[in-house]
Structures are given as structure tokens and as C-alpha cells.
Amino acid sequence: MKKAVVCAVMFCAMGLMAQKGPQVSTEQVFRSGGTIRMHLEAGGYTIRPTDSANIVVTCFADSEEKVHRVQTKIKAGASSAEIYVRNTPHNDFKVVIDVPRESNLWVRLSAGQLDVGAVEGDKDLEIRAGQLNVNIVHPEQYGHRDASVLTGEIDAQAFSISKGGLFRSFQQEGAGRYRLHASVMAGQIDLNGKTEKSDQPPGS
């Protein structure tokens, strides 16, 4: 399990380097207030809120060959959308996903780093190995919230929680209307109001 954590951290560091260079974008109209489900293969991902009525997925890599090999698909319905990012490179790969500011998020990432900006809505986020950072600007907006790691660390200052080691978790109930679920099998969860960079364009 420790080997998985080390590999994921190395992948995160390499992925965050690829913020400039060849890029490919996929765009789809989608209304605010819907649910967006993301099925993501390994890489460094940033989800940003925008005031646009579109979903935009932009992939960055260190070569044209790598970035064009990635398979990206957006399937949007009336109230829900599915995003697929597949066949990702093994290093130097990053994705920025722009979504309507009011969106419910469901994300499954195989390995890497996931930075979630101040998107307003429910969040159901899971990573097998890597790091999950969520920008919690208004903790009072959340009702049920839970987080868990099989091995690693939970730093949830937004909810006055900090735990490290094996089988760490917490669960709280609040008065807010949004639900938060965060899970990483091996790695780290950071639930703080310190990830404003998630709302910035790559390379800024």
C-alpha cells in the first residue's frame, strides 16, 4: 500500500508540471444546477466553477502525440452529464474541467491529484491513490459530510478535523443543504479553504 502512495505522489508531481504546451479541448452545453458524473483515468485534474452554461474539458500534455491520444467524451442530458477521460499518458498530463458554478459533482479517479474549486453543490469524490483537495469556502453550506482514507491523512480544517494513519475517517451532520463525501484509498484528503488556485487557469 505504501508503494501505491509513493507512485501516486510521483504521478501528481509530474502531472502538475504539464500546465503548458499542447492542448485539446472538448465542449458541451449544459445547464446550471445539474449533476455531472466524471470517470477519470490517472492524471492531475482541476475542476473549476465558471459562469458559463458549458462544460469544457481541456487536456494538457508535453507532446502533440500524447494529448491527441487521450479519449475525452462528454454526454449531456437535460439534468445530468457524463464525462469520460481515458487512455491518459503515464506522466506530464493535466486536465482542467470547467463546469457551471452550481453543479452537483460525482467523480471517480483511478490515481493522481484532484483539485476541486468552489463549485456550489453536492460532492461525491473518490480516488484510489493520490491526493484530493477541495476548496470549502462556506463549511456551513454542507449538511452531511464524511471523509475516509484507508491509509494516509485527512486534513479537514474547514470542519475542525485532522487525522492520519490507517483506516481514518470522520462523519458529521450540519444544517447546510449540500452533501459532501470524500474518499481516498491511499493518499491524502485536504478539505480547506486554501485551494483557491483550483479556480485559476493553468500556469497562473
C-alpha atoms as a PDB file:
ATOM      1  CA  MET A   1       0.000   0.000   0.000  1.00  0.00           C
ATOM      2  CA  LYS A   2       2.881   2.383   0.764  1.00  0.00           C
ATOM      3  CA  LYS A   3       4.213   1.727  -2.745  1.00  0.00           C
ATOM      4  CA  ALA A   4       0.864   2.857  -4.161  1.00  0.00           C
ATOM      5  CA  VAL A   5       1.036   6.102  -2.189  1.00  0.00           C
ATOM      6  CA  VAL A   6       4.576   6.834  -3.413  1.00  0.00           C
ATOM      7  CA  CYS A   7       3.612   6.116  -7.027  1.00  0.00           C
ATOM      8  CA  ALA A   8       0.558   8.345  -6.780  1.00  0.00           C
ATOM      9  CA  VAL A   9       2.535  11.234  -5.279  1.00  0.00           C
ATOM     10  CA  MET A  10       5.143  10.928  -8.043  1.00  0.00           C
ATOM     11  CA  PHE A  11       2.383  10.949 -10.660  1.00  0.00           C
ATOM     12  CA  CYS A  12       0.844  14.067  -9.078  1.00  0.00           C
ATOM     13  CA  ALA A  13       4.126  15.941  -9.165  1.00  0.00           C
ATOM     14  CA  MET A  14       4.711  15.040 -12.804  1.00  0.00           C
ATOM     15  CA  GLY A  15       1.135  15.819 -13.782  1.00  0.00           C
ATOM     16  CA  LEU A  16       1.208  19.289 -12.266  1.00  0.00           C
ATOM     17  CA  MET A  17       4.228  20.152 -14.413  1.00  0.00           C
ATOM     18  CA  ALA A  18       2.174  19.851 -17.597  1.00  0.00           C
ATOM     19  CA  GLN A  19       0.292  23.120 -17.327  1.00  0.00           C
ATOM     20  CA  LYS A  20       1.556  24.500 -20.631  1.00  0.00           C
ATOM     21  CA  GLY A  21       2.192  23.037 -24.040  1.00  0.00           C
ATOM     22  CA  PRO A  22      -0.016  21.130 -26.488  1.00  0.00           C
ATOM     23  CA  GLN A  23      -3.670  21.056 -25.510  1.00  0.00           C
ATOM     24  CA  VAL A  24      -7.028  19.778 -26.757  1.00  0.00           C
ATOM     25  CA  SER A  25     -10.465  20.964 -25.596  1.00  0.00           C
ATOM     26  CA  THR A  26     -13.892  19.319 -25.707  1.00  0.00           C
ATOM     27  CA  GLU A  27     -17.004  21.407 -25.027  1.00  0.00           C
ATOM     28  CA  GLN A  28     -20.683  20.683 -24.383  1.00  0.00           C
ATOM     29  CA  VAL A  29     -23.617  22.917 -23.440  1.00  0.00           C
ATOM     30  CA  PHE A  30     -25.039  22.018 -20.013  1.00  0.00           C
ATOM     31  CA  ARG A  31     -27.411  23.872 -17.748  1.00  0.00           C
ATOM     32  CA  SER A  32     -26.536  25.110 -14.263  1.00  0.00           C
ATOM     33  CA  GLY A  33     -27.834  23.114 -11.291  1.00  0.00           C
ATOM     34  CA  GLY A  34     -27.468  19.669 -12.854  1.00  0.00           C
ATOM     35  CA  THR A  35     -25.386  16.647 -11.863  1.00  0.00           C
ATOM     36  CA  ILE A  36     -22.042  15.947 -13.553  1.00  0.00           C
ATOM     37  CA  ARG A  37     -20.515  12.473 -13.278  1.00  0.00           C
ATOM     38  CA  MET A  38     -16.826  12.132 -14.147  1.00  0.00           C
ATOM     39  CA  HIS A  39     -15.000   8.891 -14.940  1.00  0.00           C
ATOM     40  CA  LEU A  40     -11.307   9.783 -14.967  1.00  0.00           C
ATOM     41  CA  GLU A  41      -8.163   7.784 -15.626  1.00  0.00           C
ATOM     42  CA  ALA A  42      -4.865   8.664 -13.949  1.00  0.00           C
ATOM     43  CA  GLY A  43      -3.627  12.248 -14.125  1.00  0.00           C
ATOM     44  CA  GLY A  44      -3.666  15.651 -12.470  1.00  0.00           C
ATOM     45  CA  TYR A  45      -7.170  17.169 -12.605  1.00  0.00           C
ATOM     46  CA  THR A  46      -8.568  20.591 -11.716  1.00  0.00           C
ATOM     47  CA  ILE A  47     -12.319  21.232 -11.601  1.00  0.00           C
ATOM     48  CA  ARG A  48     -13.211  24.941 -11.786  1.00  0.00           C
ATOM     49  CA  PRO A  49     -16.523  26.771 -11.434  1.00  0.00           C
ATOM     50  CA  THR A  50     -17.459  29.206 -14.192  1.00  0.00           C
ATOM     51  CA  ASP A  51     -20.419  31.425 -15.004  1.00  0.00           C
ATOM     52  CA  SER A  52     -20.742  29.776 -18.416  1.00  0.00           C
ATOM     53  CA  ALA A  53     -23.514  27.343 -19.355  1.00  0.00           C
ATOM     54  CA  ASN A  54     -20.930  24.963 -20.804  1.00  0.00           C
ATOM     55  CA  ILE A  55     -18.751  22.087 -19.679  1.00  0.00           C
ATOM     56  CA  VAL A  56     -15.238  22.423 -21.092  1.00  0.00           C
ATOM     57  CA  VAL A  57     -12.595  19.706 -20.710  1.00  0.00           C
ATOM     58  CA  THR A  58      -9.069  20.800 -21.643  1.00  0.00           C
ATOM     59  CA  CYS A  59      -6.222  18.275 -21.691  1.00  0.00           C
ATOM     60  CA  PHE A  60      -2.564  19.312 -21.480  1.00  0.00           C
ATOM     61  CA  ALA A  61       0.476  17.131 -22.239  1.00  0.00           C
ATOM     62  CA  ASP A  62       4.113  17.574 -23.187  1.00  0.00           C
ATOM     63  CA  SER A  63       3.630  16.435 -26.791  1.00  0.00           C
ATOM     64  CA  GLU A  64       1.023  16.567 -29.543  1.00  0.00           C
ATOM     65  CA  GLU A  65       1.101  12.784 -29.807  1.00  0.00           C
ATOM     66  CA  LYS A  66       0.215  12.291 -26.137  1.00  0.00           C
ATOM     67  CA  VAL A  67      -2.536  14.877 -25.957  1.00  0.00           C
ATOM     68  CA  HIS A  68      -4.256  13.643 -29.115  1.00  0.00           C
ATOM     69  CA  ARG A  69      -4.125  10.054 -27.900  1.00  0.00           C
ATOM     70  CA  VAL A  70      -6.353  10.892 -24.926  1.00  0.00           C
ATOM     71  CA  GLN A  71     -10.011   9.939 -25.388  1.00  0.00           C
ATOM     72  CA  THR A  72     -12.400  12.569 -23.989  1.00  0.00           C
ATOM     73  CA  LYS A  73     -16.170  12.339 -24.206  1.00  0.00           C
ATOM     74  CA  ILE A  74     -18.987  14.458 -22.760  1.00  0.00           C
ATOM     75  CA  LYS A  75     -22.549  13.103 -22.857  1.00  0.00           C
ATOM     76  CA  ALA A  76     -25.125  15.634 -21.631  1.00  0.00           C
ATOM     77  CA  GLY A  77     -28.839  15.184 -20.974  1.00  0.00           C
ATOM     78  CA  ALA A  78     -31.474  17.530 -19.592  1.00  0.00           C
ATOM     79  CA  SER A  79     -30.288  17.413 -15.971  1.00  0.00           C
ATOM     80  CA  SER A  80     -27.168  15.245 -15.921  1.00  0.00           C
ATOM     81  CA  ALA A  81     -23.913  14.830 -17.823  1.00  0.00           C
ATOM     82  CA  GLU A  82     -21.251  12.139 -18.060  1.00  0.00           C
ATOM     83  CA  ILE A  83     -17.580  12.945 -18.661  1.00  0.00           C
ATOM     84  CA  TYR A  84     -15.046  10.281 -19.651  1.00  0.00           C
ATOM     85  CA  VAL A  85     -11.284  10.817 -19.861  1.00  0.00           C
ATOM     86  CA  ARG A  86      -9.482   7.660 -20.974  1.00  0.00           C
ATOM     87  CA  ASN A  87      -6.193   6.427 -22.425  1.00  0.00           C
ATOM     88  CA  THR A  88      -4.233   9.025 -20.462  1.00  0.00           C
ATOM     89  CA  PRO A  89      -0.396   9.302 -20.636  1.00  0.00           C
ATOM     90  CA  HIS A  90       1.664   7.921 -17.761  1.00  0.00           C
ATOM     91  CA  ASN A  91       3.286  11.276 -16.954  1.00  0.00           C
ATOM     92  CA  ASP A  92       3.263  15.006 -17.723  1.00  0.00           C
ATOM     93  CA  PHE A  93      -0.521  15.083 -18.104  1.00  0.00           C
ATOM     94  CA  LYS A  94      -3.068  17.502 -16.694  1.00  0.00           C
ATOM     95  CA  VAL A  95      -6.743  18.210 -17.270  1.00  0.00           C
ATOM     96  CA  VAL A  96      -8.798  21.306 -16.456  1.00  0.00           C
ATOM     97  CA  ILE A  97     -12.558  20.781 -16.311  1.00  0.00           C
ATOM     98  CA  ASP A  98     -14.703  23.928 -16.292  1.00  0.00           C
ATOM     99  CA  VAL A  99     -18.284  23.421 -15.078  1.00  0.00           C
ATOM    100  CA  PRO A 100     -21.269  25.688 -14.328  1.00  0.00           C
ATOM    101  CA  ARG A 101     -20.816  27.232 -10.891  1.00  0.00           C
ATOM    102  CA  GLU A 102     -23.891  25.471  -9.488  1.00  0.00           C
ATOM    103  CA  SER A 103     -23.303  21.779 -10.203  1.00  0.00           C
ATOM    104  CA  ASN A 104     -23.512  18.517  -8.279  1.00  0.00           C
ATOM    105  CA  LEU A 105     -20.281  16.554  -8.759  1.00  0.00           C
ATOM    106  CA  TRP A 106     -19.695  12.802  -8.784  1.00  0.00           C
ATOM    107  CA  VAL A 107     -16.049  11.950  -9.535  1.00  0.00           C
ATOM    108  CA  ARG A 108     -14.113   8.679  -9.689  1.00  0.00           C
ATOM    109  CA  LEU A 109     -10.357   8.989 -10.366  1.00  0.00           C
ATOM    110  CA  SER A 110      -8.100   5.955 -10.622  1.00  0.00           C
ATOM    111  CA  ALA A 111      -4.910   7.703  -9.446  1.00  0.00           C
ATOM    112  CA  GLY A 112      -3.348  11.155  -9.311  1.00  0.00           C
ATOM    113  CA  GLN A 113      -4.393  14.513  -7.929  1.00  0.00           C
ATOM    114  CA  LEU A 114      -7.834  16.089  -7.940  1.00  0.00           C
ATOM    115  CA  ASP A 115      -8.280  19.794  -7.085  1.00  0.00           C
ATOM    116  CA  VAL A 116     -11.898  20.901  -6.769  1.00  0.00           C
ATOM    117  CA  GLY A 117     -12.636  24.616  -6.769  1.00  0.00           C
ATOM    118  CA  ALA A 118     -15.573  26.418  -5.176  1.00  0.00           C
ATOM    119  CA  VAL A 119     -18.309  24.630  -7.102  1.00  0.00           C
ATOM    120  CA  GLU A 120     -21.683  25.022  -5.354  1.00  0.00           C
ATOM    121  CA  GLY A 121     -23.474  21.690  -4.954  1.00  0.00           C
ATOM    122  CA  ASP A 122     -23.229  18.127  -3.655  1.00  0.00           C
ATOM    123  CA  LYS A 123     -19.839  16.451  -3.963  1.00  0.00           C
ATOM    124  CA  ASP A 124     -19.212  12.688  -4.142  1.00  0.00           C
ATOM    125  CA  LEU A 125     -15.464  12.300  -4.728  1.00  0.00           C
ATOM    126  CA  GLU A 126     -13.315   9.149  -4.668  1.00  0.00           C
ATOM    127  CA  ILE A 127      -9.694   8.388  -5.636  1.00  0.00           C
ATOM    128  CA  ARG A 128      -7.951   5.041  -5.413  1.00  0.00           C
ATOM    129  CA  ALA A 129      -4.486   6.513  -4.821  1.00  0.00           C
ATOM    130  CA  GLY A 130      -3.363  10.131  -4.696  1.00  0.00           C
ATOM    131  CA  GLN A 131      -4.405  13.479  -3.285  1.00  0.00           C
ATOM    132  CA  LEU A 132      -7.812  15.131  -3.086  1.00  0.00           C
ATOM    133  CA  ASN A 133      -8.029  18.892  -2.427  1.00  0.00           C
ATOM    134  CA  VAL A 134     -11.428  20.555  -2.044  1.00  0.00           C
ATOM    135  CA  ASN A 135     -11.965  24.293  -1.668  1.00  0.00           C
ATOM    136  CA  ILE A 136     -14.516  24.590   1.172  1.00  0.00           C
ATOM    137  CA  VAL A 137     -15.295  28.308   1.131  1.00  0.00           C
ATOM    138  CA  HIS A 138     -18.505  28.048   3.185  1.00  0.00           C
ATOM    139  CA  PRO A 139     -18.493  24.989   5.505  1.00  0.00           C
ATOM    140  CA  GLU A 140     -21.931  25.968   6.808  1.00  0.00           C
ATOM    141  CA  GLN A 141     -23.439  25.137   3.409  1.00  0.00           C
ATOM    142  CA  TYR A 142     -22.866  21.417   3.999  1.00  0.00           C
ATOM    143  CA  GLY A 143     -25.243  19.103   5.813  1.00  0.00           C
ATOM    144  CA  HIS A 144     -23.953  15.546   5.838  1.00  0.00           C
ATOM    145  CA  ARG A 145     -20.198  15.354   5.298  1.00  0.00           C
ATOM    146  CA  ASP A 146     -17.873  12.385   5.554  1.00  0.00           C
ATOM    147  CA  ALA A 147     -14.305  11.570   4.563  1.00  0.00           C
ATOM    148  CA  SER A 148     -12.118   8.481   4.806  1.00  0.00           C
ATOM    149  CA  VAL A 149      -8.678   7.144   3.919  1.00  0.00           C
ATOM    150  CA  LEU A 150      -7.563   3.528   4.080  1.00  0.00           C
ATOM    151  CA  THR A 151      -4.015   4.692   4.669  1.00  0.00           C
ATOM    152  CA  GLY A 152      -2.885   8.312   4.687  1.00  0.00           C
ATOM    153  CA  GLU A 153      -4.126  11.593   6.117  1.00  0.00           C
ATOM    154  CA  ILE A 154      -7.278  13.685   6.423  1.00  0.00           C
ATOM    155  CA  ASP A 155      -6.741  17.414   6.887  1.00  0.00           C
ATOM    156  CA  ALA A 156     -10.215  18.954   7.157  1.00  0.00           C
ATOM    157  CA  GLN A 157      -9.677  22.269   8.881  1.00  0.00           C
ATOM    158  CA  ALA A 158     -12.933  23.501   7.381  1.00  0.00           C
ATOM    159  CA  PHE A 159     -14.666  21.049   9.734  1.00  0.00           C
ATOM    160  CA  SER A 160     -12.057  21.132  12.566  1.00  0.00           C
ATOM    161  CA  ILE A 161     -10.753  17.638  11.806  1.00  0.00           C
ATOM    162  CA  SER A 162      -7.190  16.337  11.344  1.00  0.00           C
ATOM    163  CA  LYS A 163      -6.328  12.626  11.316  1.00  0.00           C
ATOM    164  CA  GLY A 164      -3.501  10.470   9.994  1.00  0.00           C
ATOM    165  CA  GLY A 165      -2.615   6.771   9.860  1.00  0.00           C
ATOM    166  CA  LEU A 166      -4.607   3.661   8.924  1.00  0.00           C
ATOM    167  CA  PHE A 167      -8.387   3.487   8.470  1.00  0.00           C
ATOM    168  CA  ARG A 168      -9.011   7.153   9.284  1.00  0.00           C
ATOM    169  CA  SER A 169     -12.435   8.712   8.802  1.00  0.00           C
ATOM    170  CA  PHE A 170     -14.940  11.224  10.112  1.00  0.00           C
ATOM    171  CA  GLN A 171     -18.632  11.909   9.714  1.00  0.00           C
ATOM    172  CA  GLN A 172     -20.620  14.984  10.692  1.00  0.00           C
ATOM    173  CA  GLU A 173     -24.106  16.383  10.271  1.00  0.00           C
ATOM    174  CA  GLY A 174     -24.695  20.077   9.678  1.00  0.00           C
ATOM    175  CA  ALA A 175     -27.538  22.385   8.784  1.00  0.00           C
ATOM    176  CA  GLY A 176     -26.498  23.014   5.172  1.00  0.00           C
ATOM    177  CA  ARG A 177     -28.237  21.699   2.054  1.00  0.00           C
ATOM    178  CA  TYR A 178     -25.205  20.197   0.289  1.00  0.00           C
ATOM    179  CA  ARG A 179     -23.745  16.732   0.840  1.00  0.00           C
ATOM    180  CA  LEU A 180     -20.005  16.003   0.844  1.00  0.00           C
ATOM    181  CA  HIS A 181     -18.433  12.562   0.519  1.00  0.00           C
ATOM    182  CA  ALA A 182     -14.649  12.250   0.064  1.00  0.00           C
ATOM    183  CA  SER A 183     -12.679   9.007  -0.056  1.00  0.00           C
ATOM    184  CA  VAL A 184      -9.072   8.107  -0.895  1.00  0.00           C
ATOM    185  CA  MET A 185      -7.812   4.561  -0.505  1.00  0.00           C
ATOM    186  CA  ALA A 186      -4.135   5.551  -0.249  1.00  0.00           C
ATOM    187  CA  GLY A 187      -3.082   9.181  -0.010  1.00  0.00           C
ATOM    188  CA  GLN A 188      -4.380  12.445   1.396  1.00  0.00           C
ATOM    189  CA  ILE A 189      -7.617  14.414   1.669  1.00  0.00           C
ATOM    190  CA  ASP A 190      -7.425  18.187   2.173  1.00  0.00           C
ATOM    191  CA  LEU A 191     -10.742  19.920   2.924  1.00  0.00           C
ATOM    192  CA  ASN A 192      -9.731  23.513   3.476  1.00  0.00           C
ATOM    193  CA  GLY A 193     -10.420  26.955   2.097  1.00  0.00           C
ATOM    194  CA  LYS A 194      -6.863  27.036   0.773  1.00  0.00           C
ATOM    195  CA  THR A 195      -7.189  25.736  -2.770  1.00  0.00           C
ATOM    196  CA  GLU A 196      -8.130  28.966  -4.495  1.00  0.00           C
ATOM    197  CA  LYS A 197      -5.549  28.042  -7.149  1.00  0.00           C
ATOM    198  CA  SER A 198      -8.111  25.491  -8.344  1.00  0.00           C
ATOM    199  CA  ASP A 199     -10.097  28.374  -9.798  1.00  0.00           C
ATOM    200  CA  GLN A 200      -7.145  29.803 -11.706  1.00  0.00           C
ATOM    201  CA  PRO A 201      -6.123  28.965 -15.268  1.00  0.00           C
ATOM    202  CA  PRO A 202      -3.159  26.605 -15.807  1.00  0.00           C
ATOM    203  CA  GLY A 203       0.231  28.227 -15.465  1.00  0.00           C
ATOM    204  CA  SER A 204      -1.044  31.135 -13.323  1.00  0.00           C
END
